[in-house]
Protein backbone atom coordinates (compact mmCIF):
# COMPACT_ATOMS: atom_id res chain seq x y z
CA MET A 1 -16.64 19.54 -55.41
CA ALA A 2 -14.08 22.26 -56.08
CA GLY A 3 -10.87 21.62 -57.99
CA PHE A 4 -7.40 22.74 -56.88
CA ASP A 5 -3.85 21.96 -57.86
CA LEU A 6 -2.93 21.50 -54.21
CA ILE A 7 -4.82 20.99 -50.97
CA ILE A 8 -2.90 21.28 -47.70
CA ILE A 9 -4.39 19.77 -44.54
CA GLY A 10 -3.17 21.90 -41.64
CA SER A 11 -2.11 25.55 -41.46
CA GLY A 12 0.81 25.46 -39.01
CA PRO A 13 4.29 26.74 -39.89
CA GLY A 14 4.64 23.91 -42.39
CA GLY A 15 1.20 24.18 -43.96
CA TYR A 16 0.74 27.91 -44.30
CA VAL A 17 4.28 28.48 -45.60
CA ALA A 18 3.79 25.69 -48.15
CA ALA A 19 0.50 27.28 -49.21
CA ILE A 20 2.07 30.69 -49.75
CA ARG A 21 5.04 29.34 -51.72
CA ALA A 22 2.76 27.18 -53.86
CA ALA A 23 0.56 30.18 -54.65
CA GLN A 24 3.66 32.19 -55.58
CA LEU A 25 4.51 29.42 -58.04
CA GLY A 26 1.10 29.74 -59.68
CA LEU A 27 -0.71 26.78 -58.14
CA ARG A 28 -4.37 26.96 -57.16
CA VAL A 29 -4.15 26.28 -53.45
CA ALA A 30 -6.57 25.45 -50.64
CA CYS A 31 -5.64 25.02 -47.00
CA VAL A 32 -7.87 23.07 -44.63
CA GLU A 33 -7.78 24.12 -40.98
CA ALA A 34 -10.16 23.05 -38.22
CA GLU A 35 -9.04 25.68 -35.72
CA HIS A 36 -7.02 28.89 -35.98
CA LEU A 37 -4.72 29.69 -38.89
CA GLY A 38 -1.10 29.31 -37.83
CA GLY A 39 -1.54 26.03 -36.01
CA VAL A 40 -0.06 25.15 -32.64
CA CYS A 41 3.17 27.11 -33.07
CA LEU A 42 1.58 30.46 -33.70
CA ASN A 43 -1.46 30.15 -31.43
CA ILE A 44 -0.45 28.01 -28.44
CA GLY A 45 3.23 27.28 -28.98
CA CYS A 46 6.29 29.12 -30.24
CA ILE A 47 4.95 32.66 -30.50
CA PRO A 48 2.97 33.16 -27.26
CA THR A 49 5.63 31.26 -25.31
CA LYS A 50 8.31 33.63 -26.56
CA ALA A 51 6.09 36.56 -25.63
CA LEU A 52 5.94 35.22 -22.07
CA LEU A 53 9.69 34.64 -22.05
CA SER A 54 10.24 38.24 -23.14
CA SER A 55 8.16 39.39 -20.18
CA ALA A 56 10.08 37.06 -17.86
CA LEU A 57 13.36 38.56 -19.08
CA LEU A 58 12.15 42.04 -18.13
CA VAL A 59 11.24 40.73 -14.67
CA ASN A 60 14.75 39.35 -14.24
CA GLU A 61 16.32 42.55 -15.59
CA MET A 62 14.63 44.52 -12.82
CA ALA A 63 16.86 42.74 -10.31
CA GLU A 64 19.80 44.64 -11.82
CA ALA A 65 17.90 47.81 -12.66
CA GLU A 66 19.64 49.99 -10.08
CA LYS A 67 22.94 49.47 -11.89
CA HIS A 68 21.35 51.25 -14.85
CA GLY A 69 20.07 54.12 -12.76
CA ILE A 70 16.52 52.79 -12.61
CA ILE A 71 15.40 53.22 -9.00
CA ALA A 72 12.02 51.63 -8.41
CA LYS A 73 10.47 51.01 -5.01
CA ASP A 74 8.04 48.23 -4.10
CA VAL A 75 8.03 46.70 -7.56
CA THR A 76 5.62 43.79 -7.96
CA PHE A 77 5.24 41.27 -10.76
CA ASP A 78 2.00 39.83 -12.12
CA LEU A 79 1.78 37.00 -14.63
CA GLY A 80 -1.75 38.00 -15.65
CA PRO A 81 -0.92 41.01 -17.84
CA ALA A 82 2.00 39.12 -19.39
CA GLN A 83 -0.30 36.22 -20.24
CA ALA A 84 -2.86 38.61 -21.74
CA ARG A 85 -0.12 40.23 -23.81
CA SER A 86 0.99 36.83 -25.10
CA ARG A 87 -2.55 36.19 -26.37
CA ARG A 88 -2.61 39.56 -28.14
CA VAL A 89 0.69 38.74 -29.82
CA ALA A 90 -0.65 35.37 -31.00
CA ASP A 91 -3.87 36.97 -32.27
CA GLN A 92 -1.90 39.58 -34.22
CA MET A 93 0.22 36.92 -35.89
CA ARG A 94 -2.83 34.77 -36.69
CA LYS A 95 -4.52 37.71 -38.40
CA GLY A 96 -1.29 38.21 -40.34
CA VAL A 97 -1.52 34.69 -41.75
CA GLY A 98 -5.11 35.37 -42.80
CA HIS A 99 -3.97 38.53 -44.59
CA LEU A 100 -1.24 36.59 -46.40
CA PHE A 101 -3.79 34.00 -47.52
CA LYS A 102 -5.97 36.73 -49.02
CA LYS A 103 -2.98 38.44 -50.62
CA ASN A 104 -1.89 35.20 -52.29
CA LYS A 105 -5.46 34.12 -53.20
CA ILE A 106 -5.29 30.97 -51.08
CA THR A 107 -8.66 29.37 -50.27
CA HIS A 108 -9.12 28.72 -46.55
CA ILE A 109 -11.49 25.78 -46.01
CA GLU A 110 -12.64 25.65 -42.39
CA GLY A 111 -13.03 22.18 -40.91
CA PHE A 112 -11.26 18.88 -40.26
CA GLY A 113 -9.70 17.38 -43.38
CA ARG A 114 -9.19 13.71 -44.20
CA LEU A 115 -8.25 11.75 -47.29
CA LYS A 116 -11.29 10.28 -49.03
CA GLY A 117 -9.67 8.62 -52.01
CA LYS A 118 -7.27 9.41 -54.83
CA GLY A 119 -7.01 13.20 -55.11
CA LYS A 120 -9.97 13.74 -52.79
CA VAL A 121 -10.16 15.45 -49.40
CA GLU A 122 -13.28 15.41 -47.26
CA VAL A 123 -13.71 18.39 -44.95
CA GLU A 124 -16.01 18.15 -41.95
CA ALA A 125 -17.11 21.55 -40.66
CA ALA A 126 -17.75 22.32 -37.01
CA GLY A 127 -21.48 21.70 -37.45
CA GLY A 128 -20.92 18.28 -39.00
CA ASN A 129 -21.50 19.28 -42.61
CA LYS A 130 -19.15 17.48 -45.00
CA THR A 131 -17.81 18.59 -48.36
CA VAL A 132 -15.39 16.89 -50.74
CA HIS A 133 -12.67 18.75 -52.65
CA GLU A 134 -10.35 17.51 -55.37
CA ALA A 135 -6.70 18.26 -56.05
CA SER A 136 -3.84 16.79 -58.02
CA HIS A 137 -1.64 16.94 -54.93
CA VAL A 138 -2.38 16.75 -51.19
CA ILE A 139 0.05 17.71 -48.42
CA ILE A 140 -0.59 16.51 -44.87
CA ALA A 141 0.71 19.05 -42.36
CA THR A 142 -1.29 18.21 -39.26
CA GLY A 143 1.52 18.62 -36.72
CA SER A 144 1.70 16.99 -33.30
CA ARG A 145 0.17 17.05 -29.83
CA PRO A 146 1.49 16.73 -26.25
CA ARG A 147 2.27 13.15 -25.29
CA ASP A 148 0.85 11.60 -22.13
CA LEU A 149 2.82 9.39 -19.78
CA PRO A 150 1.01 6.23 -18.62
CA THR A 151 1.38 7.54 -15.07
CA LEU A 152 0.61 11.20 -15.86
CA LYS A 153 -2.56 12.13 -17.72
CA ILE A 154 -2.93 15.72 -18.88
CA ASP A 155 -6.22 17.35 -17.86
CA GLU A 156 -5.22 21.05 -18.29
CA ASP A 157 -6.65 21.64 -14.82
CA ARG A 158 -3.99 20.53 -12.35
CA VAL A 159 -1.84 18.60 -14.85
CA TRP A 160 -0.87 20.91 -17.70
CA SER A 161 0.57 20.47 -21.13
CA SER A 162 2.31 23.49 -22.63
CA THR A 163 -1.18 24.75 -23.55
CA GLY A 164 -2.37 24.82 -19.94
CA ALA A 165 0.86 26.47 -18.84
CA LEU A 166 0.31 29.20 -21.44
CA MET A 167 -3.21 29.95 -20.26
CA ALA A 168 -2.54 30.41 -16.53
CA GLN A 169 -3.24 33.97 -15.44
CA LYS A 170 -1.63 33.68 -12.02
CA ALA A 171 1.76 32.26 -11.06
CA PRO A 172 1.17 29.37 -8.63
CA GLY A 173 3.13 28.85 -5.47
CA SER A 174 4.72 25.69 -6.85
CA LEU A 175 5.10 23.90 -10.18
CA PHE A 176 6.46 20.40 -10.79
CA ILE A 177 7.84 19.94 -14.31
CA VAL A 178 8.31 16.48 -15.83
CA GLY A 179 10.84 16.70 -18.66
CA ALA A 180 13.81 19.05 -19.04
CA GLY A 181 13.82 19.54 -22.79
CA ALA A 182 13.17 22.88 -24.44
CA ILE A 183 9.51 23.14 -23.37
CA GLY A 184 10.17 22.26 -19.75
CA MET A 185 13.15 24.59 -19.48
CA GLU A 186 11.31 27.52 -21.05
CA PHE A 187 8.31 27.29 -18.74
CA ALA A 188 10.61 26.78 -15.76
CA ASP A 189 12.20 30.12 -16.68
CA VAL A 190 8.83 31.90 -16.98
CA TYR A 191 7.29 30.64 -13.77
CA ALA A 192 10.43 30.96 -11.65
CA SER A 193 10.71 34.58 -12.82
CA TYR A 194 7.22 35.30 -11.49
CA GLY A 195 7.94 33.74 -8.11
CA THR A 196 6.84 30.12 -8.49
CA LYS A 197 8.89 27.45 -6.73
CA VAL A 198 9.92 25.18 -9.60
CA THR A 199 11.00 21.54 -9.39
CA ILE A 200 12.24 19.77 -12.55
CA VAL A 201 12.48 16.00 -12.98
CA GLU A 202 14.29 14.51 -15.99
CA ALA A 203 14.61 10.78 -16.70
CA LEU A 204 17.90 11.15 -18.59
CA ASP A 205 21.18 11.96 -16.88
CA ARG A 206 21.13 15.66 -17.71
CA ILE A 207 18.80 18.52 -18.59
CA LEU A 208 18.54 19.64 -22.22
CA PRO A 209 19.73 16.16 -23.21
CA LEU A 210 19.98 17.00 -26.92
CA GLU A 211 22.55 19.70 -26.23
CA ASP A 212 26.28 19.44 -25.61
CA ALA A 213 26.98 18.06 -22.12
CA GLU A 214 28.95 21.17 -21.15
CA VAL A 215 25.97 23.34 -22.03
CA SER A 216 23.64 21.10 -20.00
CA LYS A 217 25.87 21.35 -16.92
CA PHE A 218 26.10 25.11 -17.24
CA MET A 219 22.32 25.49 -17.48
CA GLU A 220 21.73 23.19 -14.52
CA ARG A 221 24.02 25.31 -12.34
CA THR A 222 22.35 28.49 -13.58
CA TYR A 223 18.84 27.28 -12.80
CA GLN A 224 19.89 25.99 -9.39
CA LYS A 225 21.33 29.42 -8.56
CA ARG A 226 17.90 30.82 -9.35
CA GLY A 227 16.40 28.55 -6.72
CA MET A 228 15.03 25.75 -8.88
CA ASP A 229 15.34 22.14 -7.77
CA ILE A 230 16.54 19.76 -10.49
CA HIS A 231 16.53 15.96 -10.37
CA THR A 232 18.19 14.18 -13.31
CA GLY A 233 18.31 10.42 -13.78
CA ALA A 234 14.95 10.37 -11.99
CA ARG A 235 11.81 8.40 -12.82
CA PHE A 236 8.39 9.94 -12.39
CA GLU A 237 6.02 7.50 -10.69
CA SER A 238 2.63 8.96 -9.87
CA ALA A 239 0.40 12.01 -9.52
CA LYS A 240 -2.64 12.11 -7.26
CA VAL A 241 -4.82 15.09 -8.14
CA SER A 242 -7.04 16.83 -5.58
CA LYS A 243 -9.05 20.05 -5.61
CA THR A 244 -6.17 21.95 -4.01
CA GLY A 245 -3.13 20.47 -5.73
CA VAL A 246 -1.22 17.39 -6.76
CA ARG A 247 0.68 14.82 -4.72
CA VAL A 248 3.59 13.64 -6.88
CA THR A 249 6.09 10.85 -6.33
CA PHE A 250 9.29 10.09 -8.19
CA LYS A 251 12.36 7.94 -7.73
CA ASP A 252 15.58 9.95 -7.67
CA LYS A 253 18.99 9.05 -9.06
CA GLN A 254 19.89 7.16 -5.89
CA GLY A 255 16.74 5.05 -6.15
CA THR A 256 15.00 6.78 -3.24
CA THR A 257 11.28 7.46 -3.65
CA GLN A 258 10.42 11.09 -2.99
CA ALA A 259 6.96 12.58 -2.53
CA MET A 260 5.87 16.21 -2.52
CA ASP A 261 2.76 18.33 -2.72
CA VAL A 262 2.61 20.94 -5.48
CA ASP A 263 -0.01 23.26 -6.90
CA TYR A 264 0.37 22.19 -10.53
CA VAL A 265 2.26 19.71 -12.71
CA LEU A 266 3.54 20.44 -16.23
CA SER A 267 4.02 17.40 -18.46
CA ALA A 268 6.77 18.21 -20.96
CA VAL A 269 7.81 14.75 -22.08
CA GLY A 270 7.54 15.15 -25.83
CA ARG A 271 4.92 15.13 -28.56
CA ALA A 272 3.04 12.58 -30.66
CA PRO A 273 2.09 12.97 -34.35
CA ASN A 274 -1.45 13.90 -35.37
CA SER A 275 -1.75 11.08 -37.89
CA THR A 276 -4.97 9.37 -36.79
CA GLY A 277 -8.38 10.10 -38.24
CA LEU A 278 -6.87 11.45 -41.47
CA GLY A 279 -8.02 8.61 -43.71
CA LEU A 280 -4.44 7.46 -44.31
CA GLU A 281 -5.56 3.84 -44.38
CA THR A 282 -8.16 4.73 -47.01
CA VAL A 283 -5.48 5.34 -49.62
CA GLY A 284 -2.73 3.21 -48.06
CA VAL A 285 -0.33 5.86 -46.73
CA LYS A 286 2.38 4.21 -44.62
CA VAL A 287 3.17 5.27 -41.05
CA ASN A 288 5.97 3.96 -38.85
CA GLU A 289 5.67 2.27 -35.46
CA LYS A 290 5.47 5.65 -33.70
CA GLY A 291 2.72 6.97 -35.93
CA PHE A 292 4.83 9.31 -38.07
CA ILE A 293 4.05 9.35 -41.79
CA VAL A 294 6.88 7.82 -43.83
CA VAL A 295 8.21 10.15 -46.55
CA ASP A 296 11.17 10.23 -48.94
CA GLU A 297 13.68 13.05 -49.44
CA ARG A 298 11.13 15.03 -51.45
CA LEU A 299 8.49 14.60 -48.71
CA ARG A 300 6.51 12.14 -50.85
CA THR A 301 4.60 9.34 -49.16
CA ASN A 302 4.34 5.90 -50.72
CA VAL A 303 1.08 7.02 -52.38
CA PRO A 304 1.51 9.16 -55.54
CA GLY A 305 0.16 12.67 -55.08
CA VAL A 306 0.20 12.54 -51.26
CA TYR A 307 2.93 14.28 -49.25
CA ALA A 308 3.64 14.99 -45.57
CA ILE A 309 5.64 17.75 -43.89
CA GLY A 310 6.37 19.04 -40.41
CA ASP A 311 5.92 17.20 -37.13
CA VAL A 312 3.62 14.53 -38.59
CA ALA A 313 6.47 13.49 -40.93
CA GLY A 314 8.99 12.98 -38.11
CA ASN A 315 12.63 14.03 -37.80
CA GLN A 316 13.07 17.19 -35.69
CA LEU A 317 9.74 18.47 -34.36
CA LEU A 318 10.58 22.12 -34.99
CA ALA A 319 8.66 24.93 -36.66
CA HIS A 320 11.55 26.07 -38.85
CA LYS A 321 12.11 22.53 -40.07
CA ALA A 322 8.42 22.30 -40.99
CA SER A 323 8.50 25.57 -42.92
CA HIS A 324 11.61 24.53 -44.82
CA GLU A 325 10.05 21.18 -45.68
CA GLY A 326 6.95 22.97 -46.93
CA ILE A 327 8.99 25.04 -49.38
CA VAL A 328 11.05 22.06 -50.54
CA CYS A 329 7.90 19.99 -51.06
CA VAL A 330 5.89 22.48 -53.11
CA GLU A 331 8.86 23.52 -55.25
CA HIS A 332 9.30 19.89 -56.26
CA ILE A 333 5.56 19.62 -56.91
CA ALA A 334 5.79 22.69 -59.15
CA GLY A 335 8.80 21.24 -60.96
CA LYS A 336 11.16 23.95 -59.74
CA GLY A 337 13.29 21.81 -57.45
CA HIS A 338 14.85 23.05 -54.24
CA GLY A 339 17.34 20.36 -53.37
CA THR A 340 16.39 18.45 -50.24
CA VAL A 341 16.31 19.11 -46.50
CA ASP A 342 19.66 18.81 -44.70
CA TYR A 343 18.50 17.27 -41.44
CA GLY A 344 22.07 17.41 -40.12
CA ASN A 345 22.02 21.20 -40.27
CA VAL A 346 18.79 22.00 -38.41
CA PRO A 347 19.41 24.42 -35.51
CA ASN A 348 18.06 23.72 -32.03
CA CYS A 349 16.91 26.72 -30.00
CA THR A 350 15.76 27.04 -26.40
CA TYR A 351 14.56 30.54 -25.52
CA CYS A 352 15.12 30.44 -21.77
CA HIS A 353 17.51 32.84 -20.08
CA PRO A 354 20.31 32.50 -20.80
CA GLU A 355 19.38 31.30 -24.27
CA VAL A 356 20.68 28.01 -25.69
CA ALA A 357 21.23 27.18 -29.36
CA SER A 358 23.18 24.63 -31.33
CA VAL A 359 23.71 23.03 -34.72
CA GLY A 360 25.63 19.97 -35.84
CA LEU A 361 27.53 17.53 -33.65
CA THR A 362 28.15 17.80 -29.94
CA GLU A 363 31.66 17.13 -28.66
CA GLU A 364 30.57 13.68 -27.46
CA GLN A 365 29.00 12.80 -30.81
CA ALA A 366 32.10 13.87 -32.74
CA LYS A 367 34.30 11.72 -30.51
CA ALA A 368 31.92 8.77 -30.76
CA LYS A 369 32.27 8.96 -34.54
CA GLY A 370 36.04 8.72 -34.14
CA LEU A 371 36.60 12.16 -35.65
CA ASP A 372 39.84 14.03 -35.01
CA ILE A 373 38.68 17.34 -33.57
CA ASP A 374 39.70 20.59 -31.93
CA VAL A 375 37.34 22.27 -29.50
CA GLY A 376 37.28 26.04 -29.08
CA LYS A 377 35.36 27.76 -26.31
CA PHE A 378 35.06 31.50 -25.79
CA PRO A 379 33.32 33.09 -22.78
CA TRP A 380 30.99 36.05 -23.12
CA VAL A 381 33.00 37.92 -20.51
CA GLY A 382 35.59 38.47 -23.27
CA VAL A 383 33.10 40.23 -25.57
CA GLY A 384 32.80 43.99 -25.04
CA ARG A 385 29.16 44.26 -26.04
CA ALA A 386 28.21 41.47 -23.62
CA VAL A 387 30.04 43.20 -20.76
CA ALA A 388 28.43 46.55 -21.64
CA SER A 389 24.96 45.00 -21.66
CA GLY A 390 25.52 43.14 -18.41
CA HIS A 391 24.98 39.71 -19.96
CA THR A 392 28.20 37.76 -19.62
CA ASP A 393 26.97 34.34 -18.49
CA GLY A 394 27.80 31.52 -20.87
CA PHE A 395 30.04 30.80 -23.83
CA ILE A 396 30.28 29.84 -27.51
CA LYS A 397 31.77 26.46 -28.31
CA VAL A 398 32.97 25.33 -31.74
CA ILE A 399 33.75 21.74 -32.73
CA ARG A 400 36.33 21.81 -35.56
CA GLY A 401 37.29 18.85 -37.71
CA LYS A 402 41.08 18.83 -37.97
CA ARG A 403 41.23 17.17 -41.38
CA TYR A 404 39.38 19.83 -43.37
CA SER A 405 38.83 22.45 -40.63
CA GLU A 406 35.07 22.16 -41.17
CA ILE A 407 32.52 23.34 -38.62
CA LEU A 408 31.33 20.04 -37.21
CA GLY A 409 29.18 21.67 -34.55
CA ALA A 410 28.50 24.91 -32.73
CA HIS A 411 26.96 25.45 -29.31
CA ILE A 412 25.95 28.75 -27.75
CA VAL A 413 24.66 29.51 -24.29
CA GLY A 414 24.17 33.18 -23.50
CA PRO A 415 22.78 36.42 -24.94
CA HIS A 416 21.12 36.25 -28.37
CA ALA A 417 22.20 32.61 -28.82
CA THR A 418 19.10 31.76 -30.87
CA ASP A 419 19.91 34.54 -33.37
CA LEU A 420 23.66 34.00 -33.52
CA ILE A 421 23.39 30.29 -34.27
CA ALA A 422 22.21 31.21 -37.79
CA GLU A 423 25.75 32.32 -38.61
CA PHE A 424 26.99 28.77 -38.01
CA VAL A 425 24.04 27.29 -39.92
CA VAL A 426 24.90 29.38 -42.98
CA GLY A 427 28.59 28.57 -42.57
CA ARG A 428 27.89 24.84 -42.48
CA HIS A 429 25.49 25.13 -45.43
CA LEU A 430 28.20 26.82 -47.49
CA GLU A 431 30.79 24.26 -46.29
CA SER A 432 32.85 27.05 -44.77
CA THR A 433 35.96 26.34 -42.77
CA VAL A 434 36.46 27.63 -39.25
CA GLU A 435 39.12 29.99 -40.67
CA GLU A 436 36.55 31.53 -43.01
CA LEU A 437 34.26 32.32 -40.09
CA GLU A 438 37.06 34.30 -38.46
CA LYS A 439 38.23 35.95 -41.69
CA ALA A 440 34.78 37.38 -42.30
CA MET A 441 34.94 40.71 -40.47
CA HIS A 442 32.58 41.04 -37.50
CA PRO A 443 31.48 44.52 -36.39
CA HIS A 444 32.59 45.93 -33.05
CA PRO A 445 31.15 46.12 -30.49
CA THR A 446 28.59 43.37 -31.16
CA PHE A 447 27.67 39.98 -29.77
CA SER A 448 28.67 38.51 -33.15
CA GLU A 449 32.32 39.02 -32.22
CA GLY A 450 31.90 36.00 -29.99
CA VAL A 451 31.45 33.89 -33.13
CA SER A 452 34.80 34.93 -34.61
CA GLU A 453 36.53 34.58 -31.23
CA ALA A 454 35.13 31.06 -30.76
CA ALA A 455 36.37 30.19 -34.25
CA LEU A 456 39.80 31.49 -33.28
CA ALA A 457 39.63 29.49 -30.06
CA ALA A 458 39.05 26.33 -32.11
CA LEU A 459 42.24 27.23 -33.98
CA GLY A 460 44.08 27.74 -30.71
CA ARG A 461 44.55 31.49 -31.04
CA PRO A 462 41.72 33.57 -29.51
CA ILE A 463 42.49 37.27 -29.06
CA HIS A 464 40.55 38.38 -26.00
CA ILE A 465 41.22 35.60 -23.52
C-alpha cells in the first residue's frame, strides 16, 4: 500500500488536468491509467481528429490555390500521410502529459483502477498483478466510449467508431455515416476532402441538432454543395457486412426504405459512460439510469471522499468541460474554492469546414422560454479580413435579451469560429451587455471584427452591411 492525498482514476483531459492542479496545490497525487496518458481525447479523439481536419483544410484550399498564384499540375491527395501525421501529433502531446506529470511529481500508476473500499483503489496491471493504494480522496475520471445501436454493432473493420475512422490509411470509395453531430460532421469533412463519397443519415430533423436551426440549414447546404448526400428525419435499419463492404438500409423522411452498398460505415450516434467495472457498487456510489455517476455542484458523489468529473459524470461530453470540472473539484478538495461549473456557458465546437461554434441559447430556445429578444446576424462577407483570406462563407449570430441587453446566445459558422466563440463565453461569464462587446475596440483587419459587428446587428445598427 502507498498513501496519497488524492488518487485519480483516468488520465484524460479531466483526470490529468485535475492531477496537475492538485499537485500545484501541494497534494500528493497519483493518477491511474490503463492505457496512454491523455485518454481518448488526446490519443484517439480531439487532437488527432483536428490534425486530420487541418490536413483536409489544406486539401480544400488547393482548389483555390491558383487565385493565390500557386500553380500546381497533377496534384494528388493521399490520406495515408495525413493519418500518419495525426498519430505523430497525438504521440507528441501524450509525451507532453508525461513530462508534466514528472515536472509536478505526480505518480503514474499503470493499470485498471477500481474502488476497493473506503479510501482504497485497487489497480490491476496488464499482466494481472493487483496492488492496493490508499488516499483521502478519489476522483473517477474514466470518460466514455462509443455507443452501439441495436441494429449497428461496431467492429472497427467495416463498421467504424471514431477510432476506426482515425486509423484508416486510405480514403475509401464510399462512407455511410450514421449521426450528424460533431463527430459525424467532422469525419464527413475529412473523408469528402480526400475523395470519398459520403452519405449522412440523421434521425432528427436536422444536422448538428444541438446548434441553432439557421446554422444547421447553412451547413446542410454547404455539405450538399460539396457532393455529400444528407438524409435527415431518417431511421437507420440494418447493416449487412461482407468481406467487400456493407449493405445498409434506412427509412427516409418520407417513410421509403432505401438500400445501398458502401465500403464502410461510421457509427457516430453518441457515447456511453465508462462507469462499469469500477467497483462503484462496492462503496455505494450512485449512478443514474443511463450509467452516469451522480454528482453535486462540487463534483462530489453521494459517498464522502469519492468524486467524479468529465464524461462519466454526465452533462456535456466535452474535453474542456472535463478539464474545468477537474480544476473546480480539486480546488474544493484543497479548500481553496473555485465557485462551481456554469453548465449554461459551455461552448460547443465543431471543427469541420466551415467551423461551427456556439454558446448559450439558440433563437428557438430563447423564444420557447418566452424571452423578449433581438437577433443580430452579420455575414463574413462584410469583414475585410475574411474577404482578404478568401473565407467568407457563414455568419455570426447574436441573441440579445431586450430587458437587460444580455448576451443570451451566440452562434458562429465560418472562419476561426471555434476560437472566436471564446469572446462570447468570457462576455457571458462577466455578465457583459451586447453594447459592451461592441464598445470594446476590435483590431482591424481581423476576424474578431465580426464579433463587434454582430453585436451591433443585434442592436439594429451594424456598420458594414
